[in-house]
């Protein structure tokens, strides 16, 4: 079964050049480092690793094998959050808003793509918090991981933070890499990049370009 998810992640990586793929399926407790509390949680009758936040402090989570990624969670002071992250066989589940995925070592112009779904009836909303551009994107609850949607943002810095602001979510994989058709050596970090009608648009020095560098009227 795990081979299927690795294949799915590889297929997503094919959309980018020299892509780095982060697989969240089947994370084990010995892969988790955190200033929170590592425990277990029963999902569908199976105990899976989990991370809880004690005493309302910010927590950071890193995962062995997923270098360059930090997961952060912030809750109101004086409150704890039990099992904020759960690591199931097929995905990682974040139970609550304000979970931030921080990617370091990113090249400006890279596309950051997350294969996600909402964890419950409340839609999951993803926003580029820092270091990236792109409109907010929403994922609904989807039962089959092979039907999860992809939300994407474009990096404008070497450190990118993507925040989920409502409901909680499940994530299978994340991919970071250069978008096909774009020469990243000519992408200025000060350029503004976003998706418009499904197409990548780059505004540089007041001029609007498409992904191939052609000026858009």
C-alpha atoms as a PDB file:
ATOM      1  CA  UNK A   1       0.000   0.000   0.000  1.00  0.00           C
ATOM      2  CA  UNK A   2       2.799   2.431   0.890  1.00  0.00           C
ATOM      3  CA  UNK A   3       4.296   1.906  -2.575  1.00  0.00           C
ATOM      4  CA  UNK A   4       1.153   3.468  -4.026  1.00  0.00           C
ATOM      5  CA  UNK A   5       1.646   6.681  -2.081  1.00  0.00           C
ATOM      6  CA  UNK A   6       5.287   6.888  -3.033  1.00  0.00           C
ATOM      7  CA  UNK A   7       4.225   6.507  -6.649  1.00  0.00           C
ATOM      8  CA  UNK A   8       1.609   9.239  -6.253  1.00  0.00           C
ATOM      9  CA  UNK A   9       4.213  11.570  -4.766  1.00  0.00           C
ATOM     10  CA  UNK A  10       6.577  10.792  -7.636  1.00  0.00           C
ATOM     11  CA  UNK A  11       3.838  11.618 -10.133  1.00  0.00           C
ATOM     12  CA  UNK A  12       3.344  14.990  -8.479  1.00  0.00           C
ATOM     13  CA  UNK A  13       7.076  15.620  -8.540  1.00  0.00           C
ATOM     14  CA  UNK A  14       6.991  15.145 -12.309  1.00  0.00           C
ATOM     15  CA  UNK A  15       5.214  18.504 -12.512  1.00  0.00           C
ATOM     16  CA  UNK A  16       8.375  20.208 -11.277  1.00  0.00           C
ATOM     17  CA  UNK A  17      12.078  20.137 -12.092  1.00  0.00           C
ATOM     18  CA  UNK A  18      14.616  18.859  -9.534  1.00  0.00           C
ATOM     19  CA  UNK A  19      11.778  18.532  -7.055  1.00  0.00           C
ATOM     20  CA  UNK A  20      12.132  17.681  -3.373  1.00  0.00           C
ATOM     21  CA  UNK A  21       9.303  15.469  -2.122  1.00  0.00           C
ATOM     22  CA  UNK A  22       8.147  15.217   1.482  1.00  0.00           C
ATOM     23  CA  UNK A  23       6.104  12.068   2.187  1.00  0.00           C
ATOM     24  CA  UNK A  24       3.898  12.150   5.294  1.00  0.00           C
ATOM     25  CA  UNK A  25       2.567   8.599   4.966  1.00  0.00           C
ATOM     26  CA  UNK A  26       3.627   6.093   7.617  1.00  0.00           C
ATOM     27  CA  UNK A  27       5.716   8.390   9.829  1.00  0.00           C
ATOM     28  CA  UNK A  28       6.908   6.466  12.909  1.00  0.00           C
ATOM     29  CA  UNK A  29       7.482   7.761  16.440  1.00  0.00           C
ATOM     30  CA  UNK A  30      11.267   7.447  16.166  1.00  0.00           C
ATOM     31  CA  UNK A  31      11.212   9.920  13.258  1.00  0.00           C
ATOM     32  CA  UNK A  32       9.609  12.672  15.363  1.00  0.00           C
ATOM     33  CA  UNK A  33      11.537  15.359  17.238  1.00  0.00           C
ATOM     34  CA  UNK A  34       9.513  17.990  19.096  1.00  0.00           C
ATOM     35  CA  UNK A  35       9.346  20.244  22.133  1.00  0.00           C
ATOM     36  CA  UNK A  36       5.781  19.000  22.516  1.00  0.00           C
ATOM     37  CA  UNK A  37       4.789  15.592  23.846  1.00  0.00           C
ATOM     38  CA  UNK A  38       4.962  12.421  21.732  1.00  0.00           C
ATOM     39  CA  UNK A  39       2.245   9.881  22.408  1.00  0.00           C
ATOM     40  CA  UNK A  40      -0.226   7.649  20.596  1.00  0.00           C
ATOM     41  CA  UNK A  41      -3.764   8.080  19.359  1.00  0.00           C
ATOM     42  CA  UNK A  42      -6.270   5.491  18.155  1.00  0.00           C
ATOM     43  CA  UNK A  43      -7.485   6.081  14.598  1.00  0.00           C
ATOM     44  CA  UNK A  44      -9.852   3.469  13.159  1.00  0.00           C
ATOM     45  CA  UNK A  45      -8.760   1.059  15.879  1.00  0.00           C
ATOM     46  CA  UNK A  46      -5.051   1.496  15.178  1.00  0.00           C
ATOM     47  CA  UNK A  47      -2.656   3.308  17.530  1.00  0.00           C
ATOM     48  CA  UNK A  48      -0.629   5.889  15.621  1.00  0.00           C
ATOM     49  CA  UNK A  49       2.081   8.339  16.777  1.00  0.00           C
ATOM     50  CA  UNK A  50       0.818  11.757  17.843  1.00  0.00           C
ATOM     51  CA  UNK A  51       2.170  15.074  19.110  1.00  0.00           C
ATOM     52  CA  UNK A  52       0.436  17.133  21.800  1.00  0.00           C
ATOM     53  CA  UNK A  53       1.059  20.711  22.858  1.00  0.00           C
ATOM     54  CA  UNK A  54       1.488  21.216  26.614  1.00  0.00           C
ATOM     55  CA  UNK A  55       0.567  24.353  28.535  1.00  0.00           C
ATOM     56  CA  UNK A  56      -0.266  26.458  25.506  1.00  0.00           C
ATOM     57  CA  UNK A  57       3.348  26.966  24.404  1.00  0.00           C
ATOM     58  CA  UNK A  58       4.406  27.058  20.766  1.00  0.00           C
ATOM     59  CA  UNK A  59       5.662  23.710  19.565  1.00  0.00           C
ATOM     60  CA  UNK A  60       7.924  22.799  16.677  1.00  0.00           C
ATOM     61  CA  UNK A  61       8.121  19.383  15.045  1.00  0.00           C
ATOM     62  CA  UNK A  62      10.790  18.009  12.714  1.00  0.00           C
ATOM     63  CA  UNK A  63      10.666  14.628  11.015  1.00  0.00           C
ATOM     64  CA  UNK A  64      13.709  12.494  10.220  1.00  0.00           C
ATOM     65  CA  UNK A  65      14.012  12.093   6.474  1.00  0.00           C
ATOM     66  CA  UNK A  66      12.058  15.293   5.793  1.00  0.00           C
ATOM     67  CA  UNK A  67      14.972  17.718   5.980  1.00  0.00           C
ATOM     68  CA  UNK A  68      14.216  21.397   5.526  1.00  0.00           C
ATOM     69  CA  UNK A  69      10.700  21.139   7.000  1.00  0.00           C
ATOM     70  CA  UNK A  70       9.484  22.368  10.386  1.00  0.00           C
ATOM     71  CA  UNK A  71       5.876  22.057  11.541  1.00  0.00           C
ATOM     72  CA  UNK A  72       4.764  24.731  14.022  1.00  0.00           C
ATOM     73  CA  UNK A  73       1.617  24.999  16.088  1.00  0.00           C
ATOM     74  CA  UNK A  74       0.500  27.915  18.270  1.00  0.00           C
ATOM     75  CA  UNK A  75      -2.454  27.858  20.651  1.00  0.00           C
ATOM     76  CA  UNK A  76      -3.797  30.499  23.030  1.00  0.00           C
ATOM     77  CA  UNK A  77      -1.730  30.963  26.184  1.00  0.00           C
ATOM     78  CA  UNK A  78      -2.775  28.787  29.074  1.00  0.00           C
ATOM     79  CA  UNK A  79      -4.409  26.156  26.889  1.00  0.00           C
ATOM     80  CA  UNK A  80      -3.132  22.757  25.879  1.00  0.00           C
ATOM     81  CA  UNK A  81      -3.967  20.880  22.709  1.00  0.00           C
ATOM     82  CA  UNK A  82      -4.002  17.103  22.803  1.00  0.00           C
ATOM     83  CA  UNK A  83      -2.883  15.131  19.745  1.00  0.00           C
ATOM     84  CA  UNK A  84      -2.620  18.163  17.468  1.00  0.00           C
ATOM     85  CA  UNK A  85      -0.676  16.055  14.942  1.00  0.00           C
ATOM     86  CA  UNK A  86      -1.452  12.422  14.142  1.00  0.00           C
ATOM     87  CA  UNK A  87       0.718  10.282  11.863  1.00  0.00           C
ATOM     88  CA  UNK A  88      -1.449   7.652  10.176  1.00  0.00           C
ATOM     89  CA  UNK A  89      -0.458   5.041   7.615  1.00  0.00           C
ATOM     90  CA  UNK A  90      -1.606   7.155   4.674  1.00  0.00           C
ATOM     91  CA  UNK A  91      -1.259  10.779   5.809  1.00  0.00           C
ATOM     92  CA  UNK A  92      -0.501  13.236   8.581  1.00  0.00           C
ATOM     93  CA  UNK A  93      -3.559  14.793  10.217  1.00  0.00           C
ATOM     94  CA  UNK A  94      -3.462  18.258  11.807  1.00  0.00           C
ATOM     95  CA  UNK A  95      -6.384  18.714  14.195  1.00  0.00           C
ATOM     96  CA  UNK A  96      -6.880  22.434  14.361  1.00  0.00           C
ATOM     97  CA  UNK A  97      -6.106  25.709  12.689  1.00  0.00           C
ATOM     98  CA  UNK A  98      -2.842  27.625  13.051  1.00  0.00           C
ATOM     99  CA  UNK A  99      -0.604  24.767  11.915  1.00  0.00           C
ATOM    100  CA  UNK A 100       2.291  26.182   9.883  1.00  0.00           C
ATOM    101  CA  UNK A 101       4.506  24.259   7.459  1.00  0.00           C
ATOM    102  CA  UNK A 102       7.902  25.978   7.136  1.00  0.00           C
ATOM    103  CA  UNK A 103      10.149  25.012   4.215  1.00  0.00           C
ATOM    104  CA  UNK A 104      13.780  26.201   4.213  1.00  0.00           C
ATOM    105  CA  UNK A 105      16.386  26.151   1.475  1.00  0.00           C
ATOM    106  CA  UNK A 106      13.774  27.010  -1.160  1.00  0.00           C
ATOM    107  CA  UNK A 107      14.742  28.750  -4.409  1.00  0.00           C
ATOM    108  CA  UNK A 108      12.651  31.827  -5.277  1.00  0.00           C
ATOM    109  CA  UNK A 109      10.398  30.805  -8.146  1.00  0.00           C
ATOM    110  CA  UNK A 110       9.955  27.244  -6.837  1.00  0.00           C
ATOM    111  CA  UNK A 111       6.444  25.885  -6.610  1.00  0.00           C
ATOM    112  CA  UNK A 112       5.331  24.460  -3.257  1.00  0.00           C
ATOM    113  CA  UNK A 113       2.527  21.933  -3.767  1.00  0.00           C
ATOM    114  CA  UNK A 114       0.611  20.164  -0.981  1.00  0.00           C
ATOM    115  CA  UNK A 115      -1.609  17.115  -1.557  1.00  0.00           C
ATOM    116  CA  UNK A 116      -4.332  17.676   1.032  1.00  0.00           C
ATOM    117  CA  UNK A 117      -7.944  17.349   2.173  1.00  0.00           C
ATOM    118  CA  UNK A 118      -9.958  18.736   5.064  1.00  0.00           C
ATOM    119  CA  UNK A 119     -10.045  16.387   8.051  1.00  0.00           C
ATOM    120  CA  UNK A 120     -13.755  16.971   8.746  1.00  0.00           C
ATOM    121  CA  UNK A 121     -16.827  18.906   7.682  1.00  0.00           C
ATOM    122  CA  UNK A 122     -15.114  22.305   7.976  1.00  0.00           C
ATOM    123  CA  UNK A 123     -13.153  23.171   4.836  1.00  0.00           C
ATOM    124  CA  UNK A 124      -9.391  23.572   5.256  1.00  0.00           C
ATOM    125  CA  UNK A 125      -8.071  26.935   4.099  1.00  0.00           C
ATOM    126  CA  UNK A 126      -4.405  27.342   3.140  1.00  0.00           C
ATOM    127  CA  UNK A 127      -2.637  30.693   2.921  1.00  0.00           C
ATOM    128  CA  UNK A 128       0.887  31.836   2.015  1.00  0.00           C
ATOM    129  CA  UNK A 129       1.954  33.265   5.379  1.00  0.00           C
ATOM    130  CA  UNK A 130       5.544  34.238   4.542  1.00  0.00           C
ATOM    131  CA  UNK A 131       7.944  33.911   1.633  1.00  0.00           C
ATOM    132  CA  UNK A 132       5.420  32.858  -1.003  1.00  0.00           C
ATOM    133  CA  UNK A 133       2.643  34.232  -3.143  1.00  0.00           C
ATOM    134  CA  UNK A 134      -0.639  32.863  -4.407  1.00  0.00           C
ATOM    135  CA  UNK A 135      -4.280  33.215  -3.482  1.00  0.00           C
ATOM    136  CA  UNK A 136      -5.762  31.376  -0.500  1.00  0.00           C
ATOM    137  CA  UNK A 137      -6.903  27.878  -1.446  1.00  0.00           C
ATOM    138  CA  UNK A 138      -9.517  25.594   0.104  1.00  0.00           C
ATOM    139  CA  UNK A 139      -9.749  21.813   0.440  1.00  0.00           C
ATOM    140  CA  UNK A 140     -12.897  19.883   1.333  1.00  0.00           C
ATOM    141  CA  UNK A 141     -13.171  16.555   3.123  1.00  0.00           C
ATOM    142  CA  UNK A 142     -12.243  13.676   0.791  1.00  0.00           C
ATOM    143  CA  UNK A 143     -12.280  10.057   1.918  1.00  0.00           C
ATOM    144  CA  UNK A 144      -9.935   8.524  -0.673  1.00  0.00           C
ATOM    145  CA  UNK A 145      -6.367   9.784  -0.554  1.00  0.00           C
ATOM    146  CA  UNK A 146      -5.965   9.211  -4.276  1.00  0.00           C
ATOM    147  CA  UNK A 147      -8.623  11.913  -4.772  1.00  0.00           C
ATOM    148  CA  UNK A 148      -6.989  14.521  -2.519  1.00  0.00           C
ATOM    149  CA  UNK A 149      -6.456  17.901  -4.175  1.00  0.00           C
ATOM    150  CA  UNK A 150      -3.228  19.841  -4.737  1.00  0.00           C
ATOM    151  CA  UNK A 151      -2.825  23.403  -3.469  1.00  0.00           C
ATOM    152  CA  UNK A 152       0.165  25.340  -4.773  1.00  0.00           C
ATOM    153  CA  UNK A 153       2.088  28.511  -4.023  1.00  0.00           C
ATOM    154  CA  UNK A 154       5.145  30.174  -5.596  1.00  0.00           C
ATOM    155  CA  UNK A 155       8.210  30.953  -3.449  1.00  0.00           C
ATOM    156  CA  UNK A 156       9.583  34.502  -3.352  1.00  0.00           C
ATOM    157  CA  UNK A 157      12.100  33.738  -0.583  1.00  0.00           C
ATOM    158  CA  UNK A 158      14.367  30.902   0.524  1.00  0.00           C
ATOM    159  CA  UNK A 159      12.106  30.332   3.542  1.00  0.00           C
ATOM    160  CA  UNK A 160       8.408  29.692   2.938  1.00  0.00           C
ATOM    161  CA  UNK A 161       5.604  29.335   5.475  1.00  0.00           C
ATOM    162  CA  UNK A 162       2.220  27.895   4.508  1.00  0.00           C
ATOM    163  CA  UNK A 163      -0.493  28.190   7.159  1.00  0.00           C
ATOM    164  CA  UNK A 164      -3.792  26.355   7.480  1.00  0.00           C
ATOM    165  CA  UNK A 165      -6.293  28.711   9.068  1.00  0.00           C
ATOM    166  CA  UNK A 166      -9.491  26.720   9.540  1.00  0.00           C
ATOM    167  CA  UNK A 167     -10.781  23.281  10.362  1.00  0.00           C
ATOM    168  CA  UNK A 168      -7.741  21.032  10.296  1.00  0.00           C
ATOM    169  CA  UNK A 169      -6.390  18.970   7.404  1.00  0.00           C
ATOM    170  CA  UNK A 170      -4.791  15.779   6.183  1.00  0.00           C
ATOM    171  CA  UNK A 171      -1.650  15.863   4.038  1.00  0.00           C
ATOM    172  CA  UNK A 172      -0.126  13.040   2.005  1.00  0.00           C
ATOM    173  CA  UNK A 173       2.880  14.824   0.530  1.00  0.00           C
ATOM    174  CA  UNK A 174       4.501  18.148  -0.281  1.00  0.00           C
ATOM    175  CA  UNK A 175       6.649  18.897  -3.307  1.00  0.00           C
ATOM    176  CA  UNK A 176       9.082  21.798  -3.730  1.00  0.00           C
ATOM    177  CA  UNK A 177      10.701  22.454  -7.084  1.00  0.00           C
ATOM    178  CA  UNK A 178      11.088  24.682 -10.118  1.00  0.00           C
ATOM    179  CA  UNK A 179       7.988  25.020 -12.268  1.00  0.00           C
ATOM    180  CA  UNK A 180       8.362  23.534 -15.740  1.00  0.00           C
ATOM    181  CA  UNK A 181       8.739  26.223 -18.389  1.00  0.00           C
ATOM    182  CA  UNK A 182      10.237  28.819 -16.025  1.00  0.00           C
ATOM    183  CA  UNK A 183      13.913  29.720 -16.004  1.00  0.00           C
ATOM    184  CA  UNK A 184      14.454  30.209 -12.277  1.00  0.00           C
ATOM    185  CA  UNK A 185      17.837  31.844 -12.819  1.00  0.00           C
ATOM    186  CA  UNK A 186      15.971  34.888 -14.141  1.00  0.00           C
ATOM    187  CA  UNK A 187      13.311  34.973 -11.424  1.00  0.00           C
ATOM    188  CA  UNK A 188      13.896  37.887  -9.081  1.00  0.00           C
ATOM    189  CA  UNK A 189      12.869  37.316  -5.445  1.00  0.00           C
ATOM    190  CA  UNK A 190      11.254  40.759  -5.576  1.00  0.00           C
ATOM    191  CA  UNK A 191       8.979  39.698  -8.412  1.00  0.00           C
ATOM    192  CA  UNK A 192       5.354  39.068  -7.536  1.00  0.00           C
ATOM    193  CA  UNK A 193       4.058  35.663  -8.601  1.00  0.00           C
ATOM    194  CA  UNK A 194       0.535  34.298  -8.366  1.00  0.00           C
ATOM    195  CA  UNK A 195      -2.016  32.135 -10.126  1.00  0.00           C
ATOM    196  CA  UNK A 196      -4.706  33.824 -12.217  1.00  0.00           C
ATOM    197  CA  UNK A 197      -7.355  31.730 -13.979  1.00  0.00           C
ATOM    198  CA  UNK A 198      -5.220  28.655 -13.385  1.00  0.00           C
ATOM    199  CA  UNK A 199      -2.098  30.189 -14.963  1.00  0.00           C
ATOM    200  CA  UNK A 200       1.090  31.387 -13.277  1.00  0.00           C
ATOM    201  CA  UNK A 201       1.538  35.160 -13.579  1.00  0.00           C
ATOM    202  CA  UNK A 202       4.754  37.027 -12.731  1.00  0.00           C
ATOM    203  CA  UNK A 203       4.858  40.803 -12.267  1.00  0.00           C
ATOM    204  CA  UNK A 204       8.355  42.260 -12.393  1.00  0.00           C
ATOM    205  CA  UNK A 205       9.222  45.942 -12.625  1.00  0.00           C
ATOM    206  CA  UNK A 206       5.568  46.680 -13.295  1.00  0.00           C
ATOM    207  CA  UNK A 207       5.361  44.297 -16.268  1.00  0.00           C
ATOM    208  CA  UNK A 208       3.139  41.198 -16.249  1.00  0.00           C
ATOM    209  CA  UNK A 209       4.589  37.960 -17.698  1.00  0.00           C
ATOM    210  CA  UNK A 210       3.270  34.428 -18.123  1.00  0.00           C
ATOM    211  CA  UNK A 211       5.210  31.302 -17.110  1.00  0.00           C
ATOM    212  CA  UNK A 212       7.133  31.336 -20.414  1.00  0.00           C
ATOM    213  CA  UNK A 213       8.282  34.927 -19.943  1.00  0.00           C
ATOM    214  CA  UNK A 214       5.906  36.378 -22.521  1.00  0.00           C
ATOM    215  CA  UNK A 215       4.489  39.804 -21.687  1.00  0.00           C
ATOM    216  CA  UNK A 216       0.773  39.703 -20.899  1.00  0.00           C
ATOM    217  CA  UNK A 217      -1.234  42.679 -22.109  1.00  0.00           C
END
